[in-house]
Amino acid sequence: MIRLEKLVQYCLIGLTSLSLLMMIFVFPTEAGNVNPIFVILTVFLLYFILRFINGQLKKLTVQHLRNIIIGSILCVTIIAILNVIYFRVQLFGDVQICIDMAKKLAQNNFEWSNWILQYKNLVPLTVLYSWMMKIGQLLHTGFYPIFFTYNISLLIGSLTLTLLTLWHKNPQAATLASLLAIFLPMFYGFIIQVDYTDGASIFALSFLIFLFEFGHVNWWKLGLLTFIFTYGYLMRPNIIIALVALSIIGLFTYKKQKKLIN
């Protein structure tokens, strides 16, 4: 395991060095020209800032670290909600087509659009939207409050599972990651924009890592994992790639412990 961690570290250092080197020769991007000097200076600045923060976290007690993580999760939740309420969140993909079709399903009109019939992986997502619309009608809230509640719930669920996994390894690293989550724009923009599909995959993978971190997989955990992966597959079929990772993890677990399930 230590050798694997060292290999991963060396690979990350090599890729980072290669990307910085490439910017010296090719720095035009879609957003404009990127000055490699400023990027390198920013990397070093962030390194020393994060190193300082991590040093301060090591001085805190476990209870203080736990409180910081809880506070960070609450901050991410509140900021995500405020972002949805006060700023227009642009949705990517075929979401509008699915929403239009879901309105028909909610009215018991099962005449599927040609686009969805062509891309049948959108069918489960469309059915999910129709259920959200029915819940919205029942609660008199409309569709979008239910939709964004679902998105933010997946976001917070994935973040919480990831932090719990990190906490089991290193409480300081988990606390530092929770603080970074507050300031990273992707938690309030991109992830909310695609969480209705990719969020399901992210949540399923976070749950997979969480289960394997906390001991053996017994039968009830395996059943729960199967259910969550089925859900993730219906929302985003390319999560099937994760089964390859699951098989590899299972082989290494069996090689070391001679059993997979308690």
C-alpha atoms as a PDB file:
ATOM      1  CA  MET A   1       0.000   0.000   0.000  1.00  0.00           C
ATOM      2  CA  ILE A   2       2.873   2.354   0.852  1.00  0.00           C
ATOM      3  CA  ARG A   3       4.501   1.627  -2.511  1.00  0.00           C
ATOM      4  CA  LEU A   4       1.205   2.361  -4.270  1.00  0.00           C
ATOM      5  CA  GLU A   5       0.872   5.699  -2.440  1.00  0.00           C
ATOM      6  CA  LYS A   6       4.444   6.631  -3.379  1.00  0.00           C
ATOM      7  CA  LEU A   7       3.751   5.700  -7.001  1.00  0.00           C
ATOM      8  CA  VAL A   8       0.627   7.891  -7.024  1.00  0.00           C
ATOM      9  CA  GLN A   9       2.597  10.795  -5.511  1.00  0.00           C
ATOM     10  CA  TYR A  10       5.362  10.496  -8.096  1.00  0.00           C
ATOM     11  CA  CYS A  11       2.790  10.300 -10.909  1.00  0.00           C
ATOM     12  CA  LEU A  12       0.995  13.424  -9.671  1.00  0.00           C
ATOM     13  CA  ILE A  13       4.286  15.323  -9.351  1.00  0.00           C
ATOM     14  CA  GLY A  14       5.287  14.203 -12.856  1.00  0.00           C
ATOM     15  CA  LEU A  15       1.948  15.204 -14.402  1.00  0.00           C
ATOM     16  CA  THR A  16       1.985  18.567 -12.640  1.00  0.00           C
ATOM     17  CA  SER A  17       5.544  19.248 -13.838  1.00  0.00           C
ATOM     18  CA  LEU A  18       4.590  18.205 -17.375  1.00  0.00           C
ATOM     19  CA  SER A  19       1.521  20.489 -17.410  1.00  0.00           C
ATOM     20  CA  LEU A  20       3.576  23.456 -16.199  1.00  0.00           C
ATOM     21  CA  LEU A  21       6.221  22.728 -18.836  1.00  0.00           C
ATOM     22  CA  MET A  22       3.581  22.542 -21.586  1.00  0.00           C
ATOM     23  CA  MET A  23       2.261  25.997 -20.637  1.00  0.00           C
ATOM     24  CA  ILE A  24       5.621  27.484 -21.544  1.00  0.00           C
ATOM     25  CA  PHE A  25       5.168  26.384 -25.157  1.00  0.00           C
ATOM     26  CA  VAL A  26       1.370  26.279 -25.534  1.00  0.00           C
ATOM     27  CA  PHE A  27      -0.494  28.790 -23.389  1.00  0.00           C
ATOM     28  CA  PRO A  28      -3.457  30.025 -25.507  1.00  0.00           C
ATOM     29  CA  THR A  29      -6.741  28.600 -24.172  1.00  0.00           C
ATOM     30  CA  GLU A  30     -10.443  29.105 -24.906  1.00  0.00           C
ATOM     31  CA  ALA A  31     -10.544  31.631 -22.060  1.00  0.00           C
ATOM     32  CA  GLY A  32      -7.558  33.561 -23.443  1.00  0.00           C
ATOM     33  CA  ASN A  33      -3.814  33.445 -22.963  1.00  0.00           C
ATOM     34  CA  VAL A  34      -2.547  31.920 -19.720  1.00  0.00           C
ATOM     35  CA  ASN A  35       0.717  33.329 -18.435  1.00  0.00           C
ATOM     36  CA  PRO A  36       2.735  30.338 -17.132  1.00  0.00           C
ATOM     37  CA  ILE A  37       4.700  32.539 -14.699  1.00  0.00           C
ATOM     38  CA  PHE A  38       1.507  33.615 -12.923  1.00  0.00           C
ATOM     39  CA  VAL A  39       0.277  30.007 -12.809  1.00  0.00           C
ATOM     40  CA  ILE A  40       3.536  28.758 -11.281  1.00  0.00           C
ATOM     41  CA  LEU A  41       3.564  31.588  -8.731  1.00  0.00           C
ATOM     42  CA  THR A  42      -0.064  30.816  -7.843  1.00  0.00           C
ATOM     43  CA  VAL A  43       0.782  27.127  -7.354  1.00  0.00           C
ATOM     44  CA  PHE A  44       3.631  27.962  -4.988  1.00  0.00           C
ATOM     45  CA  LEU A  45       1.515  30.536  -3.131  1.00  0.00           C
ATOM     46  CA  LEU A  46      -1.320  28.046  -2.653  1.00  0.00           C
ATOM     47  CA  TYR A  47       1.166  25.407  -1.503  1.00  0.00           C
ATOM     48  CA  PHE A  48       2.524  27.596   1.295  1.00  0.00           C
ATOM     49  CA  ILE A  49      -0.950  28.808   2.302  1.00  0.00           C
ATOM     50  CA  LEU A  50      -2.331  25.259   2.510  1.00  0.00           C
ATOM     51  CA  ARG A  51       0.793  24.092   4.323  1.00  0.00           C
ATOM     52  CA  PHE A  52       0.342  26.860   6.907  1.00  0.00           C
ATOM     53  CA  ILE A  53      -3.347  26.019   7.397  1.00  0.00           C
ATOM     54  CA  ASN A  54      -2.533  22.320   7.735  1.00  0.00           C
ATOM     55  CA  GLY A  55       0.093  23.152  10.380  1.00  0.00           C
ATOM     56  CA  GLN A  56      -2.505  25.111  12.353  1.00  0.00           C
ATOM     57  CA  LEU A  57      -4.996  22.244  12.110  1.00  0.00           C
ATOM     58  CA  LYS A  58      -2.480  19.833  13.640  1.00  0.00           C
ATOM     59  CA  LYS A  59      -2.540  21.918  16.822  1.00  0.00           C
ATOM     60  CA  LEU A  60      -6.303  21.460  17.276  1.00  0.00           C
ATOM     61  CA  THR A  61      -8.077  18.704  19.170  1.00  0.00           C
ATOM     62  CA  VAL A  62     -10.171  16.029  17.479  1.00  0.00           C
ATOM     63  CA  GLN A  63     -13.371  17.695  18.707  1.00  0.00           C
ATOM     64  CA  HIS A  64     -12.326  21.036  17.208  1.00  0.00           C
ATOM     65  CA  LEU A  65     -11.554  19.364  13.884  1.00  0.00           C
ATOM     66  CA  ARG A  66     -14.935  17.624  13.925  1.00  0.00           C
ATOM     67  CA  ASN A  67     -16.704  20.934  14.609  1.00  0.00           C
ATOM     68  CA  ILE A  68     -14.870  22.602  11.699  1.00  0.00           C
ATOM     69  CA  ILE A  69     -15.984  19.832   9.326  1.00  0.00           C
ATOM     70  CA  ILE A  70     -19.604  20.077  10.477  1.00  0.00           C
ATOM     71  CA  GLY A  71     -19.491  23.858  10.094  1.00  0.00           C
ATOM     72  CA  SER A  72     -17.922  23.547   6.625  1.00  0.00           C
ATOM     73  CA  ILE A  73     -20.645  21.154   5.426  1.00  0.00           C
ATOM     74  CA  LEU A  74     -23.307  23.556   6.723  1.00  0.00           C
ATOM     75  CA  CYS A  75     -21.579  26.473   4.948  1.00  0.00           C
ATOM     76  CA  VAL A  76     -21.432  24.578   1.650  1.00  0.00           C
ATOM     77  CA  THR A  77     -25.123  23.689   2.002  1.00  0.00           C
ATOM     78  CA  ILE A  78     -26.194  27.262   2.771  1.00  0.00           C
ATOM     79  CA  ILE A  79     -24.083  28.811  -0.013  1.00  0.00           C
ATOM     80  CA  ALA A  80     -25.355  26.230  -2.520  1.00  0.00           C
ATOM     81  CA  ILE A  81     -28.969  27.045  -1.575  1.00  0.00           C
ATOM     82  CA  LEU A  82     -28.342  30.798  -1.800  1.00  0.00           C
ATOM     83  CA  ASN A  83     -26.663  30.319  -5.178  1.00  0.00           C
ATOM     84  CA  VAL A  84     -29.728  28.509  -6.519  1.00  0.00           C
ATOM     85  CA  ILE A  85     -32.134  31.103  -5.086  1.00  0.00           C
ATOM     86  CA  TYR A  86     -30.355  34.328  -6.041  1.00  0.00           C
ATOM     87  CA  PHE A  87     -28.322  33.375  -9.122  1.00  0.00           C
ATOM     88  CA  ARG A  88     -29.394  31.720 -12.338  1.00  0.00           C
ATOM     89  CA  VAL A  89     -27.927  28.202 -12.480  1.00  0.00           C
ATOM     90  CA  GLN A  90     -27.475  27.102 -16.071  1.00  0.00           C
ATOM     91  CA  LEU A  91     -28.278  23.426 -16.609  1.00  0.00           C
ATOM     92  CA  PHE A  92     -26.173  21.416 -19.036  1.00  0.00           C
ATOM     93  CA  GLY A  93     -27.092  18.504 -21.274  1.00  0.00           C
ATOM     94  CA  ASP A  94     -30.543  17.373 -22.367  1.00  0.00           C
ATOM     95  CA  VAL A  95     -32.240  18.429 -19.162  1.00  0.00           C
ATOM     96  CA  GLN A  96     -34.800  20.746 -20.820  1.00  0.00           C
ATOM     97  CA  ILE A  97     -35.901  18.022 -23.254  1.00  0.00           C
ATOM     98  CA  CYS A  98     -36.320  15.637 -20.324  1.00  0.00           C
ATOM     99  CA  ILE A  99     -38.280  18.250 -18.347  1.00  0.00           C
ATOM    100  CA  ASP A 100     -40.656  18.871 -21.287  1.00  0.00           C
ATOM    101  CA  MET A 101     -41.226  15.142 -21.671  1.00  0.00           C
ATOM    102  CA  ALA A 102     -41.659  14.721 -17.909  1.00  0.00           C
ATOM    103  CA  LYS A 103     -44.486  17.273 -17.985  1.00  0.00           C
ATOM    104  CA  LYS A 104     -46.293  15.020 -20.449  1.00  0.00           C
ATOM    105  CA  LEU A 105     -45.697  11.949 -18.291  1.00  0.00           C
ATOM    106  CA  ALA A 106     -47.005  13.772 -15.230  1.00  0.00           C
ATOM    107  CA  GLN A 107     -50.211  14.367 -17.242  1.00  0.00           C
ATOM    108  CA  ASN A 108     -50.348  10.682 -18.262  1.00  0.00           C
ATOM    109  CA  ASN A 109     -49.257  11.482 -21.817  1.00  0.00           C
ATOM    110  CA  PHE A 110     -46.838   8.685 -22.816  1.00  0.00           C
ATOM    111  CA  GLU A 111     -46.062   9.934 -26.341  1.00  0.00           C
ATOM    112  CA  TRP A 112     -42.257   9.928 -26.098  1.00  0.00           C
ATOM    113  CA  SER A 113     -40.269  12.522 -28.033  1.00  0.00           C
ATOM    114  CA  ASN A 114     -38.052  11.311 -30.859  1.00  0.00           C
ATOM    115  CA  TRP A 115     -34.927  12.674 -29.145  1.00  0.00           C
ATOM    116  CA  ILE A 116     -35.466  10.561 -26.017  1.00  0.00           C
ATOM    117  CA  LEU A 117     -36.348   7.522 -28.102  1.00  0.00           C
ATOM    118  CA  GLN A 118     -33.050   8.006 -29.912  1.00  0.00           C
ATOM    119  CA  TYR A 119     -31.105   8.341 -26.637  1.00  0.00           C
ATOM    120  CA  LYS A 120     -32.880   5.824 -24.420  1.00  0.00           C
ATOM    121  CA  ASN A 121     -30.514   6.410 -21.493  1.00  0.00           C
ATOM    122  CA  LEU A 122     -32.575   9.582 -20.856  1.00  0.00           C
ATOM    123  CA  VAL A 123     -35.718   7.549 -20.079  1.00  0.00           C
ATOM    124  CA  PRO A 124     -34.963   6.872 -16.362  1.00  0.00           C
ATOM    125  CA  LEU A 125     -34.026  10.521 -15.848  1.00  0.00           C
ATOM    126  CA  THR A 126     -37.253  11.662 -17.496  1.00  0.00           C
ATOM    127  CA  VAL A 127     -39.323   9.324 -15.299  1.00  0.00           C
ATOM    128  CA  LEU A 128     -37.519  10.685 -12.220  1.00  0.00           C
ATOM    129  CA  TYR A 129     -38.412  14.222 -13.284  1.00  0.00           C
ATOM    130  CA  SER A 130     -42.067  13.243 -13.668  1.00  0.00           C
ATOM    131  CA  TRP A 131     -42.052  11.950 -10.076  1.00  0.00           C
ATOM    132  CA  MET A 132     -40.502  15.238  -8.925  1.00  0.00           C
ATOM    133  CA  MET A 133     -43.270  17.134 -10.692  1.00  0.00           C
ATOM    134  CA  LYS A 134     -45.926  15.064  -8.971  1.00  0.00           C
ATOM    135  CA  ILE A 135     -44.254  15.692  -5.599  1.00  0.00           C
ATOM    136  CA  GLY A 136     -44.089  19.399  -6.450  1.00  0.00           C
ATOM    137  CA  GLN A 137     -47.803  19.407  -7.265  1.00  0.00           C
ATOM    138  CA  LEU A 138     -48.572  17.604  -4.010  1.00  0.00           C
ATOM    139  CA  LEU A 139     -46.525  20.073  -1.957  1.00  0.00           C
ATOM    140  CA  HIS A 140     -47.602  23.085  -4.078  1.00  0.00           C
ATOM    141  CA  THR A 141     -43.937  24.028  -4.647  1.00  0.00           C
ATOM    142  CA  GLY A 142     -43.527  23.322  -8.349  1.00  0.00           C
ATOM    143  CA  PHE A 143     -40.810  21.282 -10.022  1.00  0.00           C
ATOM    144  CA  TYR A 144     -37.612  23.297  -9.583  1.00  0.00           C
ATOM    145  CA  PRO A 145     -37.500  23.449  -5.746  1.00  0.00           C
ATOM    146  CA  ILE A 146     -37.700  19.632  -5.675  1.00  0.00           C
ATOM    147  CA  PHE A 147     -35.197  19.358  -8.517  1.00  0.00           C
ATOM    148  CA  PHE A 148     -32.545  21.550  -6.869  1.00  0.00           C
ATOM    149  CA  THR A 149     -33.150  19.981  -3.459  1.00  0.00           C
ATOM    150  CA  TYR A 150     -32.350  16.645  -5.091  1.00  0.00           C
ATOM    151  CA  ASN A 151     -29.192  18.065  -6.708  1.00  0.00           C
ATOM    152  CA  ILE A 152     -27.919  19.696  -3.518  1.00  0.00           C
ATOM    153  CA  SER A 153     -28.687  16.549  -1.503  1.00  0.00           C
ATOM    154  CA  LEU A 154     -26.501  14.491  -3.848  1.00  0.00           C
ATOM    155  CA  LEU A 155     -23.764  17.111  -3.581  1.00  0.00           C
ATOM    156  CA  ILE A 156     -23.798  17.178   0.232  1.00  0.00           C
ATOM    157  CA  GLY A 157     -24.112  13.388   0.442  1.00  0.00           C
ATOM    158  CA  SER A 158     -21.040  12.886  -1.758  1.00  0.00           C
ATOM    159  CA  LEU A 159     -19.077  15.519   0.162  1.00  0.00           C
ATOM    160  CA  THR A 160     -19.990  13.995   3.531  1.00  0.00           C
ATOM    161  CA  LEU A 161     -19.040  10.457   2.453  1.00  0.00           C
ATOM    162  CA  THR A 162     -15.713  11.718   1.082  1.00  0.00           C
ATOM    163  CA  LEU A 163     -14.910  13.610   4.286  1.00  0.00           C
ATOM    164  CA  LEU A 164     -15.834  10.594   6.435  1.00  0.00           C
ATOM    165  CA  THR A 165     -13.476   8.438   4.378  1.00  0.00           C
ATOM    166  CA  LEU A 166     -10.681  10.989   4.731  1.00  0.00           C
ATOM    167  CA  TRP A 167     -11.383  11.339   8.460  1.00  0.00           C
ATOM    168  CA  HIS A 168     -10.805   7.626   8.927  1.00  0.00           C
ATOM    169  CA  LYS A 169      -7.359   8.054   7.320  1.00  0.00           C
ATOM    170  CA  ASN A 170      -6.318  11.502   8.509  1.00  0.00           C
ATOM    171  CA  PRO A 171      -8.563  13.921  10.481  1.00  0.00           C
ATOM    172  CA  GLN A 172      -6.403  16.928   9.539  1.00  0.00           C
ATOM    173  CA  ALA A 173      -6.644  16.103   5.828  1.00  0.00           C
ATOM    174  CA  ALA A 174     -10.427  15.740   6.120  1.00  0.00           C
ATOM    175  CA  THR A 175     -10.688  19.104   7.866  1.00  0.00           C
ATOM    176  CA  LEU A 176      -8.494  20.805   5.262  1.00  0.00           C
ATOM    177  CA  ALA A 177     -10.616  19.283   2.465  1.00  0.00           C
ATOM    178  CA  SER A 178     -13.804  20.534   4.133  1.00  0.00           C
ATOM    179  CA  LEU A 179     -12.405  24.076   4.280  1.00  0.00           C
ATOM    180  CA  LEU A 180     -11.391  23.905   0.613  1.00  0.00           C
ATOM    181  CA  ALA A 181     -14.932  22.808  -0.289  1.00  0.00           C
ATOM    182  CA  ILE A 182     -16.229  26.163   0.971  1.00  0.00           C
ATOM    183  CA  PHE A 183     -14.069  28.139  -1.464  1.00  0.00           C
ATOM    184  CA  LEU A 184     -14.087  25.896  -4.548  1.00  0.00           C
ATOM    185  CA  PRO A 185     -16.573  27.319  -7.101  1.00  0.00           C
ATOM    186  CA  MET A 186     -17.375  23.881  -8.545  1.00  0.00           C
ATOM    187  CA  PHE A 187     -19.493  23.071  -5.487  1.00  0.00           C
ATOM    188  CA  TYR A 188     -21.814  25.975  -6.281  1.00  0.00           C
ATOM    189  CA  GLY A 189     -21.713  25.896 -10.057  1.00  0.00           C
ATOM    190  CA  PHE A 190     -20.675  22.897 -12.108  1.00  0.00           C
ATOM    191  CA  ILE A 191     -21.660  20.123  -9.693  1.00  0.00           C
ATOM    192  CA  ILE A 192     -25.137  21.574  -9.126  1.00  0.00           C
ATOM    193  CA  GLN A 193     -25.510  22.025 -12.888  1.00  0.00           C
ATOM    194  CA  VAL A 194     -24.795  18.357 -13.667  1.00  0.00           C
ATOM    195  CA  ASP A 195     -25.678  16.706 -10.353  1.00  0.00           C
ATOM    196  CA  TYR A 196     -28.931  15.294 -11.709  1.00  0.00           C
ATOM    197  CA  THR A 197     -26.855  12.795 -13.750  1.00  0.00           C
ATOM    198  CA  ASP A 198     -23.164  12.913 -12.820  1.00  0.00           C
ATOM    199  CA  GLY A 199     -24.093  13.509  -9.181  1.00  0.00           C
ATOM    200  CA  ALA A 200     -25.586  10.032  -9.013  1.00  0.00           C
ATOM    201  CA  SER A 201     -22.312   8.547 -10.285  1.00  0.00           C
ATOM    202  CA  ILE A 202     -20.228  10.651  -7.891  1.00  0.00           C
ATOM    203  CA  PHE A 203     -22.434   9.617  -4.973  1.00  0.00           C
ATOM    204  CA  ALA A 204     -22.239   5.925  -5.918  1.00  0.00           C
ATOM    205  CA  LEU A 205     -18.437   6.049  -6.182  1.00  0.00           C
ATOM    206  CA  SER A 206     -18.152   7.940  -2.884  1.00  0.00           C
ATOM    207  CA  PHE A 207     -20.312   5.303  -1.232  1.00  0.00           C
ATOM    208  CA  LEU A 208     -18.182   2.516  -2.735  1.00  0.00           C
ATOM    209  CA  ILE A 209     -14.939   3.988  -1.362  1.00  0.00           C
ATOM    210  CA  PHE A 210     -16.606   4.669   1.993  1.00  0.00           C
ATOM    211  CA  LEU A 211     -17.724   1.038   2.351  1.00  0.00           C
ATOM    212  CA  PHE A 212     -14.340  -0.430   1.484  1.00  0.00           C
ATOM    213  CA  GLU A 213     -12.599   1.960   3.863  1.00  0.00           C
ATOM    214  CA  PHE A 214     -14.690   0.814   6.823  1.00  0.00           C
ATOM    215  CA  GLY A 215     -13.980  -2.904   6.915  1.00  0.00           C
ATOM    216  CA  HIS A 216     -15.307  -5.914   5.044  1.00  0.00           C
ATOM    217  CA  VAL A 217     -18.357  -5.894   2.820  1.00  0.00           C
ATOM    218  CA  ASN A 218     -21.111  -8.051   4.310  1.00  0.00           C
ATOM    219  CA  TRP A 219     -24.307  -9.139   2.582  1.00  0.00           C
ATOM    220  CA  TRP A 220     -26.473  -6.175   3.590  1.00  0.00           C
ATOM    221  CA  LYS A 221     -23.745  -3.728   2.512  1.00  0.00           C
ATOM    222  CA  LEU A 222     -23.426  -5.578  -0.775  1.00  0.00           C
ATOM    223  CA  GLY A 223     -27.198  -5.297  -1.312  1.00  0.00           C
ATOM    224  CA  LEU A 224     -27.162  -1.578  -0.527  1.00  0.00           C
ATOM    225  CA  LEU A 225     -24.179  -1.083  -2.825  1.00  0.00           C
ATOM    226  CA  THR A 226     -25.966  -2.949  -5.625  1.00  0.00           C
ATOM    227  CA  PHE A 227     -29.034  -0.735  -5.213  1.00  0.00           C
ATOM    228  CA  ILE A 228     -27.000   2.496  -5.279  1.00  0.00           C
ATOM    229  CA  PHE A 229     -24.970   1.357  -8.279  1.00  0.00           C
ATOM    230  CA  THR A 230     -28.167   0.440 -10.123  1.00  0.00           C
ATOM    231  CA  TYR A 231     -29.487   3.907  -9.395  1.00  0.00           C
ATOM    232  CA  GLY A 232     -26.189   5.465 -10.553  1.00  0.00           C
ATOM    233  CA  TYR A 233     -26.249   3.355 -13.737  1.00  0.00           C
ATOM    234  CA  LEU A 234     -29.801   4.409 -14.597  1.00  0.00           C
ATOM    235  CA  MET A 235     -28.885   8.088 -14.187  1.00  0.00           C
ATOM    236  CA  ARG A 236     -25.460   7.854 -15.863  1.00  0.00           C
ATOM    237  CA  PRO A 237     -24.716   4.544 -17.649  1.00  0.00           C
ATOM    238  CA  ASN A 238     -20.973   5.149 -17.920  1.00  0.00           C
ATOM    239  CA  ILE A 239     -20.649   4.405 -14.206  1.00  0.00           C
ATOM    240  CA  ILE A 240     -20.343   0.792 -15.344  1.00  0.00           C
ATOM    241  CA  ILE A 241     -16.623   1.610 -15.671  1.00  0.00           C
ATOM    242  CA  ALA A 242     -16.512   1.705 -11.875  1.00  0.00           C
ATOM    243  CA  LEU A 243     -17.243  -2.031 -11.841  1.00  0.00           C
ATOM    244  CA  VAL A 244     -13.762  -2.552 -13.272  1.00  0.00           C
ATOM    245  CA  ALA A 245     -12.335  -0.684 -10.292  1.00  0.00           C
ATOM    246  CA  LEU A 246     -14.580  -2.705  -7.971  1.00  0.00           C
ATOM    247  CA  SER A 247     -13.248  -5.952  -9.450  1.00  0.00           C
ATOM    248  CA  ILE A 248      -9.644  -4.822  -9.033  1.00  0.00           C
ATOM    249  CA  ILE A 249     -10.270  -3.812  -5.415  1.00  0.00           C
ATOM    250  CA  GLY A 250     -11.972  -7.149  -4.799  1.00  0.00           C
ATOM    251  CA  LEU A 251      -9.011  -9.087  -6.199  1.00  0.00           C
ATOM    252  CA  PHE A 252      -6.528  -7.223  -4.033  1.00  0.00           C
ATOM    253  CA  THR A 253      -8.769  -7.706  -0.987  1.00  0.00           C
ATOM    254  CA  TYR A 254      -9.063 -11.431  -1.624  1.00  0.00           C
ATOM    255  CA  LYS A 255      -5.323 -11.761  -2.204  1.00  0.00           C
ATOM    256  CA  LYS A 256      -4.591 -10.093   1.140  1.00  0.00           C
ATOM    257  CA  GLN A 257      -7.418 -11.409   3.338  1.00  0.00           C
ATOM    258  CA  LYS A 258      -8.580 -14.538   1.450  1.00  0.00           C
ATOM    259  CA  LYS A 259     -12.238 -13.480   1.675  1.00  0.00           C
ATOM    260  CA  LEU A 260     -14.421 -10.739   0.261  1.00  0.00           C
ATOM    261  CA  ILE A 261     -17.621 -10.892   2.304  1.00  0.00           C
ATOM    262  CA  ASN A 262     -18.091 -11.450   6.038  1.00  0.00           C
END
